[in-house]
Amino acid sequence: MNSQQSYNGQRFVTGLYLAIVAVAGVAGAIIGSLGIEGTDPELFFLIQLPPTALGMALFGAITVGTMLGVVLVVLIGVSNRYVE
């Protein structure tokens, strides 16, 4: 595999990651703007966020970004270990 294909693949994965995190943030903002009772987000079970549109957007984006980020780091580590 040449470096140009590798670079394009990394750009695609990064763009997809950012798009998914953005969608999670927008979904959180929509849910927060509906004002549903009982939605009290806690970030990493430590930080209490307000159940507003901004609080829910932060919760959604940070939670999904962290989970996908951990998966991507593991994937990069494994792929670098088994380079041909």
C-alpha atoms as a PDB file:
ATOM      1  CA  MET A   1       0.000   0.000   0.000  1.00  0.00           C
ATOM      2  CA  ASN A   2       1.444   3.340  -0.908  1.00  0.00           C
ATOM      3  CA  SER A   3       1.439   6.364   1.361  1.00  0.00           C
ATOM      4  CA  GLN A   4      -1.173   8.248  -0.683  1.00  0.00           C
ATOM      5  CA  GLN A   5      -3.770   5.496  -0.143  1.00  0.00           C
ATOM      6  CA  SER A   6      -2.911   5.363   3.553  1.00  0.00           C
ATOM      7  CA  TYR A   7      -3.277   9.133   3.865  1.00  0.00           C
ATOM      8  CA  ASN A   8      -6.663   9.083   2.097  1.00  0.00           C
ATOM      9  CA  GLY A   9      -7.826   6.287   4.398  1.00  0.00           C
ATOM     10  CA  GLN A  10      -6.792   8.209   7.501  1.00  0.00           C
ATOM     11  CA  ARG A  11      -8.580  11.334   6.249  1.00  0.00           C
ATOM     12  CA  PHE A  12     -11.728   9.312   5.581  1.00  0.00           C
ATOM     13  CA  VAL A  13     -11.727   7.699   9.031  1.00  0.00           C
ATOM     14  CA  THR A  14     -11.054  11.056  10.713  1.00  0.00           C
ATOM     15  CA  GLY A  15     -13.850  12.710   8.749  1.00  0.00           C
ATOM     16  CA  LEU A  16     -16.246   9.892   9.565  1.00  0.00           C
ATOM     17  CA  TYR A  17     -15.304  10.114  13.255  1.00  0.00           C
ATOM     18  CA  LEU A  18     -15.953  13.870  13.327  1.00  0.00           C
ATOM     19  CA  ALA A  19     -19.251  13.468  11.466  1.00  0.00           C
ATOM     20  CA  ILE A  20     -20.502  10.826  13.918  1.00  0.00           C
ATOM     21  CA  VAL A  21     -19.509  12.971  16.916  1.00  0.00           C
ATOM     22  CA  ALA A  22     -21.271  15.977  15.356  1.00  0.00           C
ATOM     23  CA  VAL A  23     -24.445  13.945  14.780  1.00  0.00           C
ATOM     24  CA  ALA A  24     -24.344  12.799  18.417  1.00  0.00           C
ATOM     25  CA  GLY A  25     -24.013  16.416  19.534  1.00  0.00           C
ATOM     26  CA  VAL A  26     -26.925  17.552  17.372  1.00  0.00           C
ATOM     27  CA  ALA A  27     -29.065  14.644  18.585  1.00  0.00           C
ATOM     28  CA  GLY A  28     -28.253  15.590  22.176  1.00  0.00           C
ATOM     29  CA  ALA A  29     -29.202  19.202  21.508  1.00  0.00           C
ATOM     30  CA  ILE A  30     -32.524  18.138  20.014  1.00  0.00           C
ATOM     31  CA  ILE A  31     -33.286  15.853  22.946  1.00  0.00           C
ATOM     32  CA  GLY A  32     -32.275  18.573  25.399  1.00  0.00           C
ATOM     33  CA  SER A  33     -34.450  21.175  23.682  1.00  0.00           C
ATOM     34  CA  LEU A  34     -37.500  18.922  24.040  1.00  0.00           C
ATOM     35  CA  GLY A  35     -37.247  19.248  27.818  1.00  0.00           C
ATOM     36  CA  ILE A  36     -37.996  15.620  28.606  1.00  0.00           C
ATOM     37  CA  GLU A  37     -38.348  14.983  32.332  1.00  0.00           C
ATOM     38  CA  GLY A  38     -35.798  12.710  33.981  1.00  0.00           C
ATOM     39  CA  THR A  39     -32.914  13.435  31.639  1.00  0.00           C
ATOM     40  CA  ASP A  40     -30.078  14.315  33.990  1.00  0.00           C
ATOM     41  CA  PRO A  41     -26.853  13.539  32.146  1.00  0.00           C
ATOM     42  CA  GLU A  42     -23.747  12.722  34.153  1.00  0.00           C
ATOM     43  CA  LEU A  43     -20.505  12.858  32.222  1.00  0.00           C
ATOM     44  CA  PHE A  44     -18.395   9.779  33.089  1.00  0.00           C
ATOM     45  CA  PHE A  45     -20.593   9.319  36.190  1.00  0.00           C
ATOM     46  CA  LEU A  46     -18.743  12.244  37.807  1.00  0.00           C
ATOM     47  CA  ILE A  47     -19.806  15.578  36.320  1.00  0.00           C
ATOM     48  CA  GLN A  48     -23.457  16.570  36.532  1.00  0.00           C
ATOM     49  CA  LEU A  49     -24.561  18.410  33.382  1.00  0.00           C
ATOM     50  CA  PRO A  50     -27.725  20.485  33.111  1.00  0.00           C
ATOM     51  CA  PRO A  51     -30.579  18.881  31.150  1.00  0.00           C
ATOM     52  CA  THR A  52     -30.557  21.750  28.639  1.00  0.00           C
ATOM     53  CA  ALA A  53     -29.832  21.626  24.930  1.00  0.00           C
ATOM     54  CA  LEU A  54     -26.184  22.574  25.513  1.00  0.00           C
ATOM     55  CA  GLY A  55     -25.707  20.096  28.359  1.00  0.00           C
ATOM     56  CA  MET A  56     -27.198  17.236  26.382  1.00  0.00           C
ATOM     57  CA  ALA A  57     -25.197  18.169  23.275  1.00  0.00           C
ATOM     58  CA  LEU A  58     -21.985  18.136  25.298  1.00  0.00           C
ATOM     59  CA  PHE A  59     -22.929  14.836  26.878  1.00  0.00           C
ATOM     60  CA  GLY A  60     -23.699  13.199  23.535  1.00  0.00           C
ATOM     61  CA  ALA A  61     -20.638  14.491  21.712  1.00  0.00           C
ATOM     62  CA  ILE A  62     -18.150  13.776  24.511  1.00  0.00           C
ATOM     63  CA  THR A  63     -19.557  10.334  25.304  1.00  0.00           C
ATOM     64  CA  VAL A  64     -19.654   9.134  21.689  1.00  0.00           C
ATOM     65  CA  GLY A  65     -16.323  10.810  20.934  1.00  0.00           C
ATOM     66  CA  THR A  66     -14.645   9.088  23.857  1.00  0.00           C
ATOM     67  CA  MET A  67     -16.058   5.648  23.055  1.00  0.00           C
ATOM     68  CA  LEU A  68     -15.163   5.873  19.372  1.00  0.00           C
ATOM     69  CA  GLY A  69     -11.784   7.397  20.219  1.00  0.00           C
ATOM     70  CA  VAL A  70     -10.854   4.447  22.408  1.00  0.00           C
ATOM     71  CA  VAL A  71     -11.866   2.040  19.639  1.00  0.00           C
ATOM     72  CA  LEU A  72      -9.830   3.997  17.081  1.00  0.00           C
ATOM     73  CA  VAL A  73      -6.739   4.078  19.306  1.00  0.00           C
ATOM     74  CA  VAL A  74      -6.931   0.314  19.799  1.00  0.00           C
ATOM     75  CA  LEU A  75      -7.458  -0.189  16.073  1.00  0.00           C
ATOM     76  CA  ILE A  76      -4.449   2.000  15.208  1.00  0.00           C
ATOM     77  CA  GLY A  77      -2.300   0.188  17.741  1.00  0.00           C
ATOM     78  CA  VAL A  78      -3.214  -3.224  16.388  1.00  0.00           C
ATOM     79  CA  SER A  79      -2.776  -2.169  12.758  1.00  0.00           C
ATOM     80  CA  ASN A  80       0.652  -0.648  13.456  1.00  0.00           C
ATOM     81  CA  ARG A  81       1.733  -3.834  15.211  1.00  0.00           C
ATOM     82  CA  TYR A  82       0.904  -6.027  12.230  1.00  0.00           C
ATOM     83  CA  VAL A  83       2.290  -3.884   9.414  1.00  0.00           C
ATOM     84  CA  GLU A  84       3.454  -5.947   6.461  1.00  0.00           C
END
